[in-house]
Amino acid sequence: MTLKLSLLHIFKEDPHLVRGVTLFYFTDNSSVYWICISGSSPSPELQKLMEEIRALELELMCILMSIHLPSYILID
């Protein structure tokens, strides 16, 4: 949900800022990482959320790159 809300915020503020750029999404949640990388989830709720995120990515004309980092690295 954090990723979707972040993309919605960009969309509402100024979508032209990210047009044609790569947005990096750093997460310590390996499940979120794998869902973002694969673009799908067996959970209907997560699948719907992933579809909404991909739609925003297309509307913003940007590329979303998910990167998994363990919690201790994010804290550092």
N, C-alpha and C. Protein backbone atom coordinates (compact mmCIF):
# COMPACT_ATOMS: atom_id res chain seq x y z
N MET A 1 0.83 -1.19 0.00
CA MET A 1 0.00 0.00 0.00
C MET A 1 0.87 1.26 0.00
N THR A 2 2.02 1.20 0.68
CA THR A 2 2.92 2.35 0.71
C THR A 2 3.38 2.74 -0.69
N LEU A 3 3.68 1.75 -1.49
CA LEU A 3 4.12 2.02 -2.87
C LEU A 3 3.00 2.67 -3.67
N LYS A 4 1.80 2.17 -3.56
CA LYS A 4 0.66 2.76 -4.28
C LYS A 4 0.44 4.20 -3.84
N LEU A 5 0.46 4.43 -2.53
CA LEU A 5 0.24 5.79 -2.03
C LEU A 5 1.34 6.74 -2.49
N SER A 6 2.57 6.26 -2.55
CA SER A 6 3.67 7.09 -3.03
C SER A 6 3.47 7.47 -4.49
N LEU A 7 3.07 6.50 -5.29
CA LEU A 7 2.83 6.79 -6.71
C LEU A 7 1.64 7.72 -6.89
N LEU A 8 0.59 7.55 -6.10
CA LEU A 8 -0.55 8.47 -6.16
C LEU A 8 -0.15 9.89 -5.80
N HIS A 9 0.72 10.02 -4.81
CA HIS A 9 1.20 11.34 -4.40
C HIS A 9 1.95 12.01 -5.56
N ILE A 10 2.82 11.26 -6.20
CA ILE A 10 3.56 11.79 -7.36
C ILE A 10 2.58 12.18 -8.46
N PHE A 11 1.60 11.32 -8.70
CA PHE A 11 0.62 11.56 -9.76
C PHE A 11 -0.15 12.85 -9.51
N LYS A 12 -0.52 13.10 -8.25
CA LYS A 12 -1.30 14.29 -7.91
C LYS A 12 -0.44 15.56 -7.90
N GLU A 13 0.81 15.45 -7.47
CA GLU A 13 1.68 16.63 -7.37
C GLU A 13 2.18 17.10 -8.74
N ASP A 14 2.92 16.26 -9.41
CA ASP A 14 3.45 16.62 -10.74
C ASP A 14 3.92 15.37 -11.45
N PRO A 15 3.05 14.72 -12.21
CA PRO A 15 3.41 13.47 -12.87
C PRO A 15 4.53 13.62 -13.90
N HIS A 16 4.75 14.84 -14.38
CA HIS A 16 5.80 15.05 -15.39
C HIS A 16 7.20 14.89 -14.80
N LEU A 17 7.33 14.99 -13.48
CA LEU A 17 8.64 14.86 -12.85
C LEU A 17 9.25 13.47 -13.04
N VAL A 18 8.41 12.46 -13.18
CA VAL A 18 8.92 11.10 -13.26
C VAL A 18 8.79 10.49 -14.65
N ARG A 19 8.26 11.23 -15.59
CA ARG A 19 8.08 10.70 -16.95
C ARG A 19 9.43 10.29 -17.54
N GLY A 20 9.53 9.02 -17.91
CA GLY A 20 10.75 8.52 -18.55
C GLY A 20 11.87 8.17 -17.60
N VAL A 21 11.63 8.22 -16.30
CA VAL A 21 12.70 7.90 -15.35
C VAL A 21 12.42 6.55 -14.66
N THR A 22 13.44 6.03 -14.01
CA THR A 22 13.30 4.81 -13.23
C THR A 22 13.14 5.19 -11.77
N LEU A 23 12.08 4.70 -11.15
CA LEU A 23 11.85 4.91 -9.71
C LEU A 23 12.29 3.66 -8.99
N PHE A 24 13.14 3.81 -7.98
CA PHE A 24 13.61 2.68 -7.20
C PHE A 24 12.79 2.58 -5.92
N TYR A 25 12.25 1.40 -5.67
CA TYR A 25 11.46 1.15 -4.46
C TYR A 25 12.24 0.15 -3.61
N PHE A 26 12.77 0.63 -2.49
CA PHE A 26 13.55 -0.20 -1.58
C PHE A 26 12.63 -0.75 -0.50
N THR A 27 12.64 -2.06 -0.32
CA THR A 27 11.79 -2.69 0.68
C THR A 27 12.56 -3.77 1.42
N ASP A 28 12.23 -3.93 2.69
CA ASP A 28 12.82 -5.02 3.46
C ASP A 28 11.86 -6.21 3.54
N ASN A 29 10.72 -6.10 2.90
CA ASN A 29 9.72 -7.15 2.91
C ASN A 29 9.92 -8.01 1.65
N SER A 30 10.40 -9.23 1.85
CA SER A 30 10.71 -10.06 0.69
C SER A 30 9.44 -10.46 -0.08
N SER A 31 8.31 -10.60 0.60
CA SER A 31 7.07 -10.93 -0.10
C SER A 31 6.66 -9.80 -1.04
N VAL A 32 6.72 -8.57 -0.54
CA VAL A 32 6.40 -7.41 -1.38
C VAL A 32 7.36 -7.34 -2.57
N TYR A 33 8.62 -7.59 -2.30
CA TYR A 33 9.63 -7.56 -3.37
C TYR A 33 9.27 -8.55 -4.48
N TRP A 34 8.99 -9.81 -4.11
CA TRP A 34 8.71 -10.83 -5.11
C TRP A 34 7.41 -10.57 -5.85
N ILE A 35 6.43 -10.01 -5.18
CA ILE A 35 5.17 -9.67 -5.85
C ILE A 35 5.42 -8.55 -6.86
N CYS A 36 6.21 -7.56 -6.48
CA CYS A 36 6.52 -6.45 -7.39
C CYS A 36 7.32 -6.93 -8.59
N ILE A 37 8.29 -7.81 -8.34
CA ILE A 37 9.12 -8.31 -9.43
C ILE A 37 8.30 -9.18 -10.40
N SER A 38 7.48 -10.06 -9.86
CA SER A 38 6.71 -10.96 -10.72
C SER A 38 5.48 -10.28 -11.33
N GLY A 39 4.96 -9.28 -10.62
CA GLY A 39 3.77 -8.58 -11.10
C GLY A 39 2.48 -9.30 -10.77
N SER A 40 2.56 -10.33 -9.94
CA SER A 40 1.34 -11.05 -9.60
C SER A 40 1.43 -11.65 -8.20
N SER A 41 0.26 -11.99 -7.68
CA SER A 41 0.16 -12.60 -6.36
C SER A 41 -1.01 -13.58 -6.35
N PRO A 42 -0.88 -14.69 -5.62
CA PRO A 42 -2.01 -15.60 -5.51
C PRO A 42 -3.15 -15.02 -4.66
N SER A 43 -2.84 -14.01 -3.86
CA SER A 43 -3.86 -13.37 -3.03
C SER A 43 -4.66 -12.38 -3.89
N PRO A 44 -5.98 -12.52 -3.95
CA PRO A 44 -6.79 -11.60 -4.75
C PRO A 44 -6.61 -10.13 -4.36
N GLU A 45 -6.48 -9.86 -3.07
CA GLU A 45 -6.31 -8.47 -2.61
C GLU A 45 -4.97 -7.90 -3.08
N LEU A 46 -3.91 -8.69 -2.93
CA LEU A 46 -2.60 -8.23 -3.36
C LEU A 46 -2.51 -8.14 -4.88
N GLN A 47 -3.18 -9.03 -5.58
CA GLN A 47 -3.20 -8.97 -7.04
C GLN A 47 -3.87 -7.69 -7.51
N LYS A 48 -4.98 -7.33 -6.90
CA LYS A 48 -5.68 -6.08 -7.26
C LYS A 48 -4.77 -4.88 -6.99
N LEU A 49 -4.09 -4.88 -5.86
CA LEU A 49 -3.17 -3.79 -5.53
C LEU A 49 -2.03 -3.71 -6.54
N MET A 50 -1.50 -4.86 -6.93
CA MET A 50 -0.41 -4.88 -7.91
C MET A 50 -0.88 -4.35 -9.25
N GLU A 51 -2.09 -4.68 -9.64
CA GLU A 51 -2.64 -4.16 -10.90
C GLU A 51 -2.80 -2.64 -10.84
N GLU A 52 -3.21 -2.12 -9.69
CA GLU A 52 -3.34 -0.67 -9.52
C GLU A 52 -1.98 0.01 -9.59
N ILE A 53 -0.97 -0.61 -9.01
CA ILE A 53 0.39 -0.06 -9.04
C ILE A 53 0.92 -0.05 -10.48
N ARG A 54 0.71 -1.14 -11.21
CA ARG A 54 1.16 -1.20 -12.61
C ARG A 54 0.42 -0.16 -13.47
N ALA A 55 -0.85 0.04 -13.19
CA ALA A 55 -1.61 1.05 -13.94
C ALA A 55 -1.04 2.45 -13.68
N LEU A 56 -0.70 2.73 -12.44
CA LEU A 56 -0.10 4.02 -12.12
C LEU A 56 1.26 4.18 -12.80
N GLU A 57 2.02 3.10 -12.82
CA GLU A 57 3.33 3.12 -13.49
C GLU A 57 3.15 3.49 -14.97
N LEU A 58 2.15 2.91 -15.61
CA LEU A 58 1.88 3.23 -17.01
C LEU A 58 1.40 4.66 -17.19
N GLU A 59 0.52 5.11 -16.31
CA GLU A 59 0.01 6.49 -16.40
C GLU A 59 1.12 7.50 -16.19
N LEU A 60 2.04 7.19 -15.27
CA LEU A 60 3.16 8.11 -14.99
C LEU A 60 4.26 8.02 -16.05
N MET A 61 4.18 6.98 -16.89
CA MET A 61 5.20 6.75 -17.92
C MET A 61 6.59 6.65 -17.32
N CYS A 62 6.70 5.86 -16.27
CA CYS A 62 7.99 5.65 -15.62
C CYS A 62 8.23 4.15 -15.48
N ILE A 63 9.38 3.79 -14.99
CA ILE A 63 9.72 2.40 -14.76
C ILE A 63 9.91 2.22 -13.26
N LEU A 64 9.25 1.23 -12.71
CA LEU A 64 9.36 0.95 -11.29
C LEU A 64 10.30 -0.23 -11.08
N MET A 65 11.34 -0.02 -10.29
CA MET A 65 12.32 -1.07 -10.00
C MET A 65 12.32 -1.34 -8.51
N SER A 66 11.92 -2.55 -8.14
CA SER A 66 11.91 -2.94 -6.72
C SER A 66 13.25 -3.55 -6.34
N ILE A 67 13.74 -3.17 -5.18
CA ILE A 67 15.01 -3.68 -4.67
C ILE A 67 14.80 -4.13 -3.25
N HIS A 68 15.23 -5.37 -2.97
CA HIS A 68 15.09 -5.91 -1.62
C HIS A 68 16.37 -5.64 -0.83
N LEU A 69 16.20 -5.05 0.34
CA LEU A 69 17.31 -4.82 1.26
C LEU A 69 16.89 -5.34 2.63
N PRO A 70 17.78 -6.08 3.30
CA PRO A 70 17.46 -6.51 4.65
C PRO A 70 17.29 -5.30 5.58
N SER A 71 16.50 -5.48 6.62
CA SER A 71 16.18 -4.37 7.55
C SER A 71 17.42 -3.70 8.10
N TYR A 72 18.43 -4.47 8.46
CA TYR A 72 19.61 -3.87 9.08
C TYR A 72 20.35 -2.93 8.13
N ILE A 73 20.26 -3.17 6.83
CA ILE A 73 20.89 -2.26 5.87
C ILE A 73 20.07 -0.97 5.77
N LEU A 74 18.74 -1.09 5.75
CA LEU A 74 17.89 0.10 5.70
C LEU A 74 18.09 0.97 6.92
N ILE A 75 18.29 0.35 8.07
CA ILE A 75 18.51 1.10 9.30
C ILE A 75 19.83 1.85 9.26
N ASP A 76 20.87 1.18 8.71
CA ASP A 76 22.18 1.84 8.57
C ASP A 76 22.06 3.04 7.67
